[in-house]
Amino acid sequence: MVKFHGEAGIDAGGVRREYGSLLCKELFSAKVNLFEGKDDRKLPLYSSDNMCSRMFQIAGKMISYLIIHLDIGVPCLSPAVYHYISTLTIEPDRCSIEDVVDLDLKELILKVLYSNWFIF
């Protein structure tokens, strides 16, 4: 059961879903600094601090809770991340240039993709 401090409400499911929505919003916020990218294509942000502190493990448990217990999807993750979570495989056709956050790297990838020369 979920109860918000200072608010009257009986948890018949609505309060839990509100908690889940708030949890999801905070988990993917810039303040938490675990994910980066557009609002509808978030990717995990690699950080040794996050890896050592096990923040991704905690985030994974929270996301699992949202999906399994509250039936709240996480529409902000990139389709490539969803595919990886469900299959544990990385397929190039699932990846998109839209997922690249670093503008310099994105520009370089586009130059290579649309140029007529290749480096072997």
PDB file of N, CA and C in Angstrom:
ATOM      1  N   MET A   1       0.842  -1.185   0.000  1.00  0.00           N
ATOM      2  CA  MET A   1       0.000   0.000   0.000  1.00  0.00           C
ATOM      3  C   MET A   1       0.882   1.242   0.000  1.00  0.00           C
ATOM      4  N   VAL A   2       0.411   2.241  -0.673  1.00  0.00           N
ATOM      5  CA  VAL A   2       1.132   3.503  -0.777  1.00  0.00           C
ATOM      6  C   VAL A   2       0.284   4.584  -0.143  1.00  0.00           C
ATOM      7  N   LYS A   3       0.941   5.432   0.649  1.00  0.00           N
ATOM      8  CA  LYS A   3       0.251   6.569   1.255  1.00  0.00           C
ATOM      9  C   LYS A   3       1.176   7.767   1.141  1.00  0.00           C
ATOM     10  N   PHE A   4       0.648   8.874   0.612  1.00  0.00           N
ATOM     11  CA  PHE A   4       1.414  10.102   0.518  1.00  0.00           C
ATOM     12  C   PHE A   4       1.266  10.879   1.821  1.00  0.00           C
ATOM     13  N   HIS A   5       2.385  11.300   2.357  1.00  0.00           N
ATOM     14  CA  HIS A   5       2.384  12.053   3.613  1.00  0.00           C
ATOM     15  C   HIS A   5       1.605  13.354   3.444  1.00  0.00           C
ATOM     16  N   GLY A   6       0.674  13.583   4.327  1.00  0.00           N
ATOM     17  CA  GLY A   6      -0.111  14.808   4.307  1.00  0.00           C
ATOM     18  C   GLY A   6      -1.274  14.796   3.334  1.00  0.00           C
ATOM     19  N   GLU A   7      -1.560  13.667   2.716  1.00  0.00           N
ATOM     20  CA  GLU A   7      -2.680  13.576   1.769  1.00  0.00           C
ATOM     21  C   GLU A   7      -3.624  12.471   2.202  1.00  0.00           C
ATOM     22  N   ALA A   8      -4.889  12.761   2.064  1.00  0.00           N
ATOM     23  CA  ALA A   8      -5.891  11.730   2.345  1.00  0.00           C
ATOM     24  C   ALA A   8      -6.105  10.935   1.069  1.00  0.00           C
ATOM     25  N   GLY A   9      -6.195   9.658   1.206  1.00  0.00           N
ATOM     26  CA  GLY A   9      -6.439   8.821   0.036  1.00  0.00           C
ATOM     27  C   GLY A   9      -6.365   7.364   0.404  1.00  0.00           C
ATOM     28  N   ILE A  10      -7.262   6.601  -0.135  1.00  0.00           N
ATOM     29  CA  ILE A  10      -7.260   5.163   0.096  1.00  0.00           C
ATOM     30  C   ILE A  10      -6.677   4.524  -1.152  1.00  0.00           C
ATOM     31  N   ASP A  11      -5.696   3.662  -0.940  1.00  0.00           N
ATOM     32  CA  ASP A  11      -5.008   3.054  -2.077  1.00  0.00           C
ATOM     33  C   ASP A  11      -5.818   1.891  -2.635  1.00  0.00           C
ATOM     34  N   ALA A  12      -6.600   2.206  -3.655  1.00  0.00           N
ATOM     35  CA  ALA A  12      -7.347   1.173  -4.375  1.00  0.00           C
ATOM     36  C   ALA A  12      -6.719   0.976  -5.755  1.00  0.00           C
ATOM     37  N   GLY A  13      -5.500   1.455  -5.896  1.00  0.00           N
ATOM     38  CA  GLY A  13      -4.774   1.330  -7.150  1.00  0.00           C
ATOM     39  C   GLY A  13      -4.346   2.659  -7.720  1.00  0.00           C
ATOM     40  N   GLY A  14      -5.153   3.677  -7.550  1.00  0.00           N
ATOM     41  CA  GLY A  14      -4.840   4.996  -8.107  1.00  0.00           C
ATOM     42  C   GLY A  14      -3.647   5.644  -7.443  1.00  0.00           C
ATOM     43  N   VAL A  15      -3.535   5.511  -6.138  1.00  0.00           N
ATOM     44  CA  VAL A  15      -2.415   6.121  -5.408  1.00  0.00           C
ATOM     45  C   VAL A  15      -1.113   5.418  -5.791  1.00  0.00           C
ATOM     46  N   ARG A  16      -1.154   4.093  -5.943  1.00  0.00           N
ATOM     47  CA  ARG A  16       0.032   3.343  -6.374  1.00  0.00           C
ATOM     48  C   ARG A  16       0.458   3.762  -7.782  1.00  0.00           C
ATOM     49  N   ARG A  17      -0.505   3.945  -8.662  1.00  0.00           N
ATOM     50  CA  ARG A  17      -0.169   4.355 -10.029  1.00  0.00           C
ATOM     51  C   ARG A  17       0.415   5.774 -10.039  1.00  0.00           C
ATOM     52  N   GLU A  18      -0.105   6.645  -9.192  1.00  0.00           N
ATOM     53  CA  GLU A  18       0.462   7.988  -9.092  1.00  0.00           C
ATOM     54  C   GLU A  18       1.901   7.909  -8.589  1.00  0.00           C
ATOM     55  N   TYR A  19       2.136   7.066  -7.585  1.00  0.00           N
ATOM     56  CA  TYR A  19       3.491   6.854  -7.075  1.00  0.00           C
ATOM     57  C   TYR A  19       4.396   6.349  -8.205  1.00  0.00           C
ATOM     58  N   GLY A  20       3.905   5.390  -8.990  1.00  0.00           N
ATOM     59  CA  GLY A  20       4.677   4.839 -10.099  1.00  0.00           C
ATOM     60  C   GLY A  20       5.008   5.896 -11.140  1.00  0.00           C
ATOM     61  N   SER A  21       4.066   6.746 -11.462  1.00  0.00           N
ATOM     62  CA  SER A  21       4.303   7.821 -12.428  1.00  0.00           C
ATOM     63  C   SER A  21       5.352   8.798 -11.917  1.00  0.00           C
ATOM     64  N   LEU A  22       5.267   9.136 -10.641  1.00  0.00           N
ATOM     65  CA  LEU A  22       6.251  10.041 -10.044  1.00  0.00           C
ATOM     66  C   LEU A  22       7.636   9.391 -10.006  1.00  0.00           C
ATOM     67  N   LEU A  23       7.670   8.093  -9.676  1.00  0.00           N
ATOM     68  CA  LEU A  23       8.928   7.360  -9.644  1.00  0.00           C
ATOM     69  C   LEU A  23       9.573   7.346 -11.023  1.00  0.00           C
ATOM     70  N   CYS A  24       8.794   7.064 -12.047  1.00  0.00           N
ATOM     71  CA  CYS A  24       9.294   7.019 -13.418  1.00  0.00           C
ATOM     72  C   CYS A  24       9.832   8.385 -13.844  1.00  0.00           C
ATOM     73  N   LYS A  25       9.091   9.423 -13.538  1.00  0.00           N
ATOM     74  CA  LYS A  25       9.499  10.785 -13.898  1.00  0.00           C
ATOM     75  C   LYS A  25      10.847  11.135 -13.256  1.00  0.00           C
ATOM     76  N   GLU A  26      11.001  10.816 -11.983  1.00  0.00           N
ATOM     77  CA  GLU A  26      12.246  11.128 -11.271  1.00  0.00           C
ATOM     78  C   GLU A  26      13.401  10.258 -11.730  1.00  0.00           C
ATOM     79  N   LEU A  27      13.132   8.985 -11.973  1.00  0.00           N
ATOM     80  CA  LEU A  27      14.174   8.042 -12.367  1.00  0.00           C
ATOM     81  C   LEU A  27      14.849   8.459 -13.671  1.00  0.00           C
ATOM     82  N   PHE A  28      14.079   9.032 -14.590  1.00  0.00           N
ATOM     83  CA  PHE A  28      14.621   9.425 -15.887  1.00  0.00           C
ATOM     84  C   PHE A  28      14.926  10.919 -15.974  1.00  0.00           C
ATOM     85  N   SER A  29      14.891  11.622 -14.855  1.00  0.00           N
ATOM     86  CA  SER A  29      15.186  13.055 -14.871  1.00  0.00           C
ATOM     87  C   SER A  29      16.690  13.296 -14.953  1.00  0.00           C
ATOM     88  N   ALA A  30      17.058  14.470 -15.404  1.00  0.00           N
ATOM     89  CA  ALA A  30      18.474  14.845 -15.496  1.00  0.00           C
ATOM     90  C   ALA A  30      19.096  14.933 -14.107  1.00  0.00           C
ATOM     91  N   LYS A  31      18.283  15.185 -13.109  1.00  0.00           N
ATOM     92  CA  LYS A  31      18.772  15.307 -11.738  1.00  0.00           C
ATOM     93  C   LYS A  31      19.393  13.992 -11.255  1.00  0.00           C
ATOM     94  N   VAL A  32      18.804  12.872 -11.621  1.00  0.00           N
ATOM     95  CA  VAL A  32      19.301  11.559 -11.201  1.00  0.00           C
ATOM     96  C   VAL A  32      20.544  11.171 -12.004  1.00  0.00           C
ATOM     97  N   ASN A  33      20.620  11.613 -13.265  1.00  0.00           N
ATOM     98  CA  ASN A  33      21.798  11.442 -14.110  1.00  0.00           C
ATOM     99  C   ASN A  33      22.133   9.974 -14.404  1.00  0.00           C
ATOM    100  N   LEU A  34      21.104   9.162 -14.664  1.00  0.00           N
ATOM    101  CA  LEU A  34      21.312   7.768 -15.044  1.00  0.00           C
ATOM    102  C   LEU A  34      21.076   7.535 -16.529  1.00  0.00           C
ATOM    103  N   PHE A  35      20.265   8.376 -17.146  1.00  0.00           N
ATOM    104  CA  PHE A  35      19.902   8.208 -18.549  1.00  0.00           C
ATOM    105  C   PHE A  35      20.091   9.527 -19.281  1.00  0.00           C
ATOM    106  N   GLU A  36      20.373   9.423 -20.578  1.00  0.00           N
ATOM    107  CA  GLU A  36      20.550  10.622 -21.395  1.00  0.00           C
ATOM    108  C   GLU A  36      19.816  10.443 -22.710  1.00  0.00           C
ATOM    109  N   GLY A  37      19.584  11.543 -23.383  1.00  0.00           N
ATOM    110  CA  GLY A  37      18.952  11.497 -24.690  1.00  0.00           C
ATOM    111  C   GLY A  37      17.614  12.200 -24.693  1.00  0.00           C
ATOM    112  N   LYS A  38      16.948  12.091 -25.844  1.00  0.00           N
ATOM    113  CA  LYS A  38      15.634  12.712 -25.998  1.00  0.00           C
ATOM    114  C   LYS A  38      14.633  12.058 -25.054  1.00  0.00           C
ATOM    115  N   ASP A  39      13.559  12.782 -24.784  1.00  0.00           N
ATOM    116  CA  ASP A  39      12.560  12.290 -23.836  1.00  0.00           C
ATOM    117  C   ASP A  39      11.948  10.953 -24.239  1.00  0.00           C
ATOM    118  N   ASP A  40      11.925  10.654 -25.533  1.00  0.00           N
ATOM    119  CA  ASP A  40      11.328   9.396 -25.977  1.00  0.00           C
ATOM    120  C   ASP A  40      12.364   8.373 -26.459  1.00  0.00           C
ATOM    121  N   ARG A  41      13.662   8.646 -26.218  1.00  0.00           N
ATOM    122  CA  ARG A  41      14.724   7.733 -26.670  1.00  0.00           C
ATOM    123  C   ARG A  41      15.871   7.712 -25.668  1.00  0.00           C
ATOM    124  N   LYS A  42      15.588   7.559 -24.393  1.00  0.00           N
ATOM    125  CA  LYS A  42      16.616   7.573 -23.358  1.00  0.00           C
ATOM    126  C   LYS A  42      17.501   6.334 -23.433  1.00  0.00           C
ATOM    127  N   LEU A  43      18.783   6.554 -23.169  1.00  0.00           N
ATOM    128  CA  LEU A  43      19.782   5.490 -23.105  1.00  0.00           C
ATOM    129  C   LEU A  43      20.489   5.572 -21.757  1.00  0.00           C
ATOM    130  N   PRO A  44      20.976   4.443 -21.246  1.00  0.00           N
ATOM    131  CA  PRO A  44      21.757   4.505 -20.006  1.00  0.00           C
ATOM    132  C   PRO A  44      22.996   5.366 -20.210  1.00  0.00           C
ATOM    133  N   LEU A  45      23.301   6.187 -19.247  1.00  0.00           N
ATOM    134  CA  LEU A  45      24.468   7.067 -19.289  1.00  0.00           C
ATOM    135  C   LEU A  45      25.608   6.367 -18.567  1.00  0.00           C
ATOM    136  N   TYR A  46      26.666   6.024 -19.307  1.00  0.00           N
ATOM    137  CA  TYR A  46      27.777   5.325 -18.670  1.00  0.00           C
ATOM    138  C   TYR A  46      28.499   6.269 -17.730  1.00  0.00           C
ATOM    139  N   SER A  47      28.678   5.824 -16.515  1.00  0.00           N
ATOM    140  CA  SER A  47      29.410   6.576 -15.511  1.00  0.00           C
ATOM    141  C   SER A  47      29.988   5.569 -14.532  1.00  0.00           C
ATOM    142  N   SER A  48      31.273   5.675 -14.266  1.00  0.00           N
ATOM    143  CA  SER A  48      31.885   4.738 -13.321  1.00  0.00           C
ATOM    144  C   SER A  48      31.269   4.894 -11.937  1.00  0.00           C
ATOM    145  N   ASP A  49      30.853   6.118 -11.594  1.00  0.00           N
ATOM    146  CA  ASP A  49      30.198   6.328 -10.297  1.00  0.00           C
ATOM    147  C   ASP A  49      28.885   5.539 -10.228  1.00  0.00           C
ATOM    148  N   ASN A  50      28.101   5.597 -11.297  1.00  0.00           N
ATOM    149  CA  ASN A  50      26.836   4.861 -11.320  1.00  0.00           C
ATOM    150  C   ASN A  50      27.067   3.352 -11.283  1.00  0.00           C
ATOM    151  N   MET A  51      28.100   2.895 -11.981  1.00  0.00           N
ATOM    152  CA  MET A  51      28.389   1.463 -12.006  1.00  0.00           C
ATOM    153  C   MET A  51      28.851   0.979 -10.633  1.00  0.00           C
ATOM    154  N   CYS A  52      29.748   1.717 -10.020  1.00  0.00           N
ATOM    155  CA  CYS A  52      30.281   1.307  -8.711  1.00  0.00           C
ATOM    156  C   CYS A  52      29.227   1.403  -7.614  1.00  0.00           C
ATOM    157  N   SER A  53      28.328   2.365  -7.718  1.00  0.00           N
ATOM    158  CA  SER A  53      27.312   2.548  -6.677  1.00  0.00           C
ATOM    159  C   SER A  53      26.111   1.624  -6.885  1.00  0.00           C
ATOM    160  N   ARG A  54      26.102   0.871  -7.975  1.00  0.00           N
ATOM    161  CA  ARG A  54      25.026  -0.069  -8.297  1.00  0.00           C
ATOM    162  C   ARG A  54      23.691   0.640  -8.554  1.00  0.00           C
ATOM    163  N   MET A  55      23.777   1.887  -9.006  1.00  0.00           N
ATOM    164  CA  MET A  55      22.548   2.652  -9.275  1.00  0.00           C
ATOM    165  C   MET A  55      21.726   2.033 -10.398  1.00  0.00           C
ATOM    166  N   PHE A  56      22.401   1.442 -11.403  1.00  0.00           N
ATOM    167  CA  PHE A  56      21.643   0.818 -12.479  1.00  0.00           C
ATOM    168  C   PHE A  56      20.899  -0.419 -12.000  1.00  0.00           C
ATOM    169  N   GLN A  57      21.477  -1.130 -11.059  1.00  0.00           N
ATOM    170  CA  GLN A  57      20.790  -2.292 -10.490  1.00  0.00           C
ATOM    171  C   GLN A  57      19.521  -1.835  -9.756  1.00  0.00           C
ATOM    172  N   ILE A  58      19.625  -0.767  -9.006  1.00  0.00           N
ATOM    173  CA  ILE A  58      18.464  -0.221  -8.296  1.00  0.00           C
ATOM    174  C   ILE A  58      17.433   0.292  -9.302  1.00  0.00           C
ATOM    175  N   ALA A  59      17.902   0.999 -10.333  1.00  0.00           N
ATOM    176  CA  ALA A  59      16.989   1.511 -11.363  1.00  0.00           C
ATOM    177  C   ALA A  59      16.278   0.359 -12.064  1.00  0.00           C
ATOM    178  N   GLY A  60      16.992  -0.726 -12.342  1.00  0.00           N
ATOM    179  CA  GLY A  60      16.384  -1.899 -12.973  1.00  0.00           C
ATOM    180  C   GLY A  60      15.287  -2.503 -12.116  1.00  0.00           C
ATOM    181  N   LYS A  61      15.510  -2.551 -10.826  1.00  0.00           N
ATOM    182  CA  LYS A  61      14.486  -3.076  -9.904  1.00  0.00           C
ATOM    183  C   LYS A  61      13.265  -2.157  -9.883  1.00  0.00           C
ATOM    184  N   MET A  62      13.514  -0.864  -9.913  1.00  0.00           N
ATOM    185  CA  MET A  62      12.396   0.091  -9.928  1.00  0.00           C
ATOM    186  C   MET A  62      11.585  -0.038 -11.211  1.00  0.00           C
ATOM    187  N   ILE A  63      12.283  -0.158 -12.346  1.00  0.00           N
ATOM    188  CA  ILE A  63      11.592  -0.298 -13.630  1.00  0.00           C
ATOM    189  C   ILE A  63      10.804  -1.604 -13.657  1.00  0.00           C
ATOM    190  N   SER A  64      11.387  -2.672 -13.139  1.00  0.00           N
ATOM    191  CA  SER A  64      10.676  -3.958 -13.062  1.00  0.00           C
ATOM    192  C   SER A  64       9.417  -3.831 -12.224  1.00  0.00           C
ATOM    193  N   TYR A  65       9.519  -3.122 -11.105  1.00  0.00           N
ATOM    194  CA  TYR A  65       8.359  -2.901 -10.237  1.00  0.00           C
ATOM    195  C   TYR A  65       7.256  -2.166 -10.997  1.00  0.00           C
ATOM    196  N   LEU A  66       7.654  -1.124 -11.732  1.00  0.00           N
ATOM    197  CA  LEU A  66       6.667  -0.345 -12.493  1.00  0.00           C
ATOM    198  C   LEU A  66       5.935  -1.221 -13.505  1.00  0.00           C
ATOM    199  N   ILE A  67       6.687  -2.050 -14.205  1.00  0.00           N
ATOM    200  CA  ILE A  67       6.088  -2.870 -15.262  1.00  0.00           C
ATOM    201  C   ILE A  67       5.272  -4.016 -14.690  1.00  0.00           C
ATOM    202  N   ILE A  68       5.827  -4.750 -13.743  1.00  0.00           N
ATOM    203  CA  ILE A  68       5.180  -5.969 -13.237  1.00  0.00           C
ATOM    204  C   ILE A  68       4.026  -5.674 -12.292  1.00  0.00           C
ATOM    205  N   HIS A  69       4.242  -4.816 -11.323  1.00  0.00           N
ATOM    206  CA  HIS A  69       3.237  -4.613 -10.282  1.00  0.00           C
ATOM    207  C   HIS A  69       2.232  -3.503 -10.580  1.00  0.00           C
ATOM    208  N   LEU A  70       2.667  -2.496 -11.325  1.00  0.00           N
ATOM    209  CA  LEU A  70       1.778  -1.361 -11.568  1.00  0.00           C
ATOM    210  C   LEU A  70       1.309  -1.278 -13.008  1.00  0.00           C
ATOM    211  N   ASP A  71       1.827  -2.141 -13.860  1.00  0.00           N
ATOM    212  CA  ASP A  71       1.461  -2.150 -15.274  1.00  0.00           C
ATOM    213  C   ASP A  71       1.702  -0.783 -15.918  1.00  0.00           C
ATOM    214  N   ILE A  72       2.812  -0.163 -15.520  1.00  0.00           N
ATOM    215  CA  ILE A  72       3.203   1.133 -16.062  1.00  0.00           C
ATOM    216  C   ILE A  72       4.397   0.898 -16.978  1.00  0.00           C
ATOM    217  N   GLY A  73       4.230   1.204 -18.241  1.00  0.00           N
ATOM    218  CA  GLY A  73       5.328   1.066 -19.180  1.00  0.00           C
ATOM    219  C   GLY A  73       6.324   2.196 -19.014  1.00  0.00           C
ATOM    220  N   VAL A  74       7.440   2.059 -19.673  1.00  0.00           N
ATOM    221  CA  VAL A  74       8.488   3.068 -19.603  1.00  0.00           C
ATOM    222  C   VAL A  74       8.740   3.544 -21.034  1.00  0.00           C
ATOM    223  N   PRO A  75       7.851   4.406 -21.558  1.00  0.00           N
ATOM    224  CA  PRO A  75       7.921   4.789 -22.965  1.00  0.00           C
ATOM    225  C   PRO A  75       9.087   5.706 -23.315  1.00  0.00           C
ATOM    226  N   CYS A  76       9.862   6.088 -22.335  1.00  0.00           N
ATOM    227  CA  CYS A  76      10.947   7.021 -22.622  1.00  0.00           C
ATOM    228  C   CYS A  76      12.230   6.315 -23.053  1.00  0.00           C
ATOM    229  N   LEU A  77      12.319   4.999 -22.925  1.00  0.00           N
ATOM    230  CA  LEU A  77      13.525   4.293 -23.335  1.00  0.00           C
ATOM    231  C   LEU A  77      13.573   4.129 -24.854  1.00  0.00           C
ATOM    232  N   SER A  78      14.777   4.094 -25.371  1.00  0.00           N
ATOM    233  CA  SER A  78      14.985   3.872 -26.800  1.00  0.00           C
ATOM    234  C   SER A  78      14.509   2.469 -27.179  1.00  0.00           C
ATOM    235  N   PRO A  79      13.960   2.294 -28.371  1.00  0.00           N
ATOM    236  CA  PRO A  79      13.578   0.946 -28.821  1.00  0.00           C
ATOM    237  C   PRO A  79      14.750  -0.035 -28.782  1.00  0.00           C
ATOM    238  N   ALA A  80      15.967   0.447 -29.011  1.00  0.00           N
ATOM    239  CA  ALA A  80      17.143  -0.429 -28.951  1.00  0.00           C
ATOM    240  C   ALA A  80      17.350  -0.966 -27.534  1.00  0.00           C
ATOM    241  N   VAL A  81      17.069  -0.148 -26.539  1.00  0.00           N
ATOM    242  CA  VAL A  81      17.204  -0.588 -25.148  1.00  0.00           C
ATOM    243  C   VAL A  81      16.144  -1.634 -24.828  1.00  0.00           C
ATOM    244  N   TYR A  82      14.907  -1.396 -25.250  1.00  0.00           N
ATOM    245  CA  TYR A  82      13.850  -2.392 -25.039  1.00  0.00           C
ATOM    246  C   TYR A  82      14.229  -3.726 -25.667  1.00  0.00           C
ATOM    247  N   HIS A  83      14.747  -3.666 -26.885  1.00  0.00           N
ATOM    248  CA  HIS A  83      15.125  -4.899 -27.570  1.00  0.00           C
ATOM    249  C   HIS A  83      16.236  -5.617 -26.800  1.00  0.00           C
ATOM    250  N   TYR A  84      17.222  -4.872 -26.337  1.00  0.00           N
ATOM    251  CA  TYR A  84      18.322  -5.478 -25.588  1.00  0.00           C
ATOM    252  C   TYR A  84      17.820  -6.102 -24.288  1.00  0.00           C
ATOM    253  N   ILE A  85      16.954  -5.410 -23.576  1.00  0.00           N
ATOM    254  CA  ILE A  85      16.420  -5.937 -22.312  1.00  0.00           C
ATOM    255  C   ILE A  85      15.668  -7.241 -22.546  1.00  0.00           C
ATOM    256  N   SER A  86      14.900  -7.298 -23.616  1.00  0.00           N
ATOM    257  CA  SER A  86      14.063  -8.483 -23.841  1.00  0.00           C
ATOM    258  C   SER A  86      14.810  -9.644 -24.505  1.00  0.00           C
ATOM    259  N   THR A  87      15.901  -9.380 -25.229  1.00  0.00           N
ATOM    260  CA  THR A  87      16.582 -10.464 -25.937  1.00  0.00           C
ATOM    261  C   THR A  87      18.049 -10.639 -25.554  1.00  0.00           C
ATOM    262  N   LEU A  88      18.627  -9.670 -24.858  1.00  0.00           N
ATOM    263  CA  LEU A  88      20.052  -9.647 -24.516  1.00  0.00           C
ATOM    264  C   LEU A  88      20.944  -9.699 -25.757  1.00  0.00           C
ATOM    265  N   THR A  89      20.443  -9.172 -26.862  1.00  0.00           N
ATOM    266  CA  THR A  89      21.240  -9.074 -28.086  1.00  0.00           C
ATOM    267  C   THR A  89      21.200  -7.650 -28.612  1.00  0.00           C
ATOM    268  N   ILE A  90      22.254  -7.297 -29.308  1.00  0.00           N
ATOM    269  CA  ILE A  90      22.311  -5.987 -29.955  1.00  0.00           C
ATOM    270  C   ILE A  90      22.265  -6.229 -31.455  1.00  0.00           C
ATOM    271  N   GLU A  91      21.267  -5.678 -32.095  1.00  0.00           N
ATOM    272  CA  GLU A  91      21.125  -5.818 -33.541  1.00  0.00           C
ATOM    273  C   GLU A  91      21.226  -4.434 -34.175  1.00  0.00           C
ATOM    274  N   PRO A  92      22.134  -4.281 -35.150  1.00  0.00           N
ATOM    275  CA  PRO A  92      22.332  -2.968 -35.769  1.00  0.00           C
ATOM    276  C   PRO A  92      21.055  -2.343 -36.327  1.00  0.00           C
ATOM    277  N   ASP A  93      20.131  -3.171 -36.838  1.00  0.00           N
ATOM    278  CA  ASP A  93      18.917  -2.598 -37.420  1.00  0.00           C
ATOM    279  C   ASP A  93      17.987  -2.014 -36.359  1.00  0.00           C
ATOM    280  N   ARG A  94      18.226  -2.315 -35.095  1.00  0.00           N
ATOM    281  CA  ARG A  94      17.430  -1.743 -34.004  1.00  0.00           C
ATOM    282  C   ARG A  94      18.000  -0.402 -33.539  1.00  0.00           C
ATOM    283  N   CYS A  95      19.241  -0.132 -33.899  1.00  0.00           N
ATOM    284  CA  CYS A  95      19.908   1.099 -33.475  1.00  0.00           C
ATOM    285  C   CYS A  95      19.569   2.225 -34.446  1.00  0.00           C
ATOM    286  N   SER A  96      19.584   3.439 -33.928  1.00  0.00           N
ATOM    287  CA  SER A  96      19.225   4.592 -34.745  1.00  0.00           C
ATOM    288  C   SER A  96      20.175   5.745 -34.460  1.00  0.00           C
ATOM    289  N   ILE A  97      20.434   6.510 -35.477  1.00  0.00           N
ATOM    290  CA  ILE A  97      21.253   7.709 -35.312  1.00  0.00           C
ATOM    291  C   ILE A  97      20.586   8.670 -34.328  1.00  0.00           C
ATOM    292  N   GLU A  98      19.275   8.565 -34.188  1.00  0.00           N
ATOM    293  CA  GLU A  98      18.537   9.414 -33.256  1.00  0.00           C
ATOM    294  C   GLU A  98      18.915   9.147 -31.800  1.00  0.00           C
ATOM    295  N   ASP A  99      19.515   7.979 -31.542  1.00  0.00           N
ATOM    296  CA  ASP A  99      19.908   7.632 -30.178  1.00  0.00           C
ATOM    297  C   ASP A  99      21.245   8.240 -29.770  1.00  0.00           C
ATOM    298  N   VAL A 100      22.016   8.750 -30.728  1.00  0.00           N
ATOM    299  CA  VAL A 100      23.329   9.316 -30.432  1.00  0.00           C
ATOM    300  C   VAL A 100      23.138  10.715 -29.857  1.00  0.00           C
ATOM    301  N   VAL A 101      23.628  10.908 -28.641  1.00  0.00           N
ATOM    302  CA  VAL A 101      23.427  12.169 -27.926  1.00  0.00           C
ATOM    303  C   VAL A 101      24.545  13.163 -28.236  1.00  0.00           C
ATOM    304  N   ASP A 102      25.767  12.678 -28.332  1.00  0.00           N
ATOM    305  CA  ASP A 102      26.927  13.530 -28.590  1.00  0.00           C
ATOM    306  C   ASP A 102      26.834  14.078 -30.016  1.00  0.00           C
ATOM    307  N   LEU A 103      26.674  15.386 -30.149  1.00  0.00           N
ATOM    308  CA  LEU A 103      26.472  16.012 -31.459  1.00  0.00           C
ATOM    309  C   LEU A 103      27.671  15.862 -32.381  1.00  0.00           C
ATOM    310  N   ASP A 104      28.890  15.936 -31.830  1.00  0.00           N
ATOM    311  CA  ASP A 104      30.086  15.765 -32.662  1.00  0.00           C
ATOM    312  C   ASP A 104      30.164  14.332 -33.194  1.00  0.00           C
ATOM    313  N   LEU A 105      29.888  13.379 -32.343  1.00  0.00           N
ATOM    314  CA  LEU A 105      29.900  11.984 -32.768  1.00  0.00           C
ATOM    315  C   LEU A 105      28.800  11.706 -33.786  1.00  0.00           C
ATOM    316  N   LYS A 106      27.642  12.296 -33.568  1.00  0.00           N
ATOM    317  CA  LYS A 106      26.524  12.132 -34.509  1.00  0.00           C
ATOM    318  C   LYS A 106      26.910  12.679 -35.886  1.00  0.00           C
ATOM    319  N   GLU A 107      27.540  13.848 -35.915  1.00  0.00           N
ATOM    320  CA  GLU A 107      27.962  14.454 -37.176  1.00  0.00           C
ATOM    321  C   GLU A 107      28.986  13.568 -37.877  1.00  0.00           C
ATOM    322  N   LEU A 108      29.924  13.008 -37.129  1.00  0.00           N
ATOM    323  CA  LEU A 108      30.937  12.130 -37.708  1.00  0.00           C
ATOM    324  C   LEU A 108      30.304  10.860 -38.291  1.00  0.00           C
ATOM    325  N   ILE A 109      29.376  10.266 -37.577  1.00  0.00           N
ATOM    326  CA  ILE A 109      28.680   9.069 -38.063  1.00  0.00           C
ATOM    327  C   ILE A 109      27.934   9.384 -39.356  1.00  0.00           C
ATOM    328  N   LEU A 110      27.252  10.514 -39.390  1.00  0.00           N
ATOM    329  CA  LEU A 110      26.513  10.900 -40.593  1.00  0.00           C
ATOM    330  C   LEU A 110      27.456  11.117 -41.785  1.00  0.00           C
ATOM    331  N   LYS A 111      28.621  11.715 -41.533  1.00  0.00           N
ATOM    332  CA  LYS A 111      29.594  11.913 -42.604  1.00  0.00           C
ATOM    333  C   LYS A 111      30.041  10.572 -43.166  1.00  0.00           C
ATOM    334  N   VAL A 112      30.319   9.618 -42.295  1.00  0.00           N
ATOM    335  CA  VAL A 112      30.761   8.298 -42.745  1.00  0.00           C
ATOM    336  C   VAL A 112      29.638   7.579 -43.477  1.00  0.00           C
ATOM    337  N   LEU A 113      28.435   7.651 -42.957  1.00  0.00           N
ATOM    338  CA  LEU A 113      27.303   6.960 -43.584  1.00  0.00           C
ATOM    339  C   LEU A 113      26.986   7.497 -44.973  1.00  0.00           C
ATOM    340  N   TYR A 114      27.096   8.800 -45.150  1.00  0.00           N
ATOM    341  CA  TYR A 114      26.670   9.411 -46.402  1.00  0.00           C
ATOM    342  C   TYR A 114      27.819   9.837 -47.308  1.00  0.00           C
ATOM    343  N   SER A 115      29.012   9.353 -47.013  1.00  0.00           N
ATOM    344  CA  SER A 115      30.139   9.657 -47.888  1.00  0.00           C
ATOM    345  C   SER A 115      30.318   8.519 -48.893  1.00  0.00           C
ATOM    346  N   ASN A 116      31.057   8.779 -49.926  1.00  0.00           N
ATOM    347  CA  ASN A 116      31.293   7.777 -50.959  1.00  0.00           C
ATOM    348  C   ASN A 116      32.604   7.023 -50.734  1.00  0.00           C
ATOM    349  N   TRP A 117      33.289   7.290 -49.652  1.00  0.00           N
ATOM    350  CA  TRP A 117      34.538   6.616 -49.389  1.00  0.00           C
ATOM    351  C   TRP A 117      34.403   5.773 -48.130  1.00  0.00           C
ATOM    352  N   PHE A 118      35.174   4.736 -48.110  1.00  0.00           N
ATOM    353  CA  PHE A 118      35.196   3.839 -46.962  1.00  0.00           C
ATOM    354  C   PHE A 118      36.636   3.590 -46.556  1.00  0.00           C
ATOM    355  N   ILE A 119      36.854   3.429 -45.279  1.00  0.00           N
ATOM    356  CA  ILE A 119      38.193   3.129 -44.763  1.00  0.00           C
ATOM    357  C   ILE A 119      38.213   1.640 -44.395  1.00  0.00           C
ATOM    358  N   PHE A 120      39.189   0.939 -44.941  1.00  0.00           N
ATOM    359  CA  PHE A 120      39.322  -0.497 -44.626  1.00  0.00           C
ATOM    360  C   PHE A 120      40.560  -0.727 -43.831  1.00  0.00           C
TER     361      PHE A 120
END
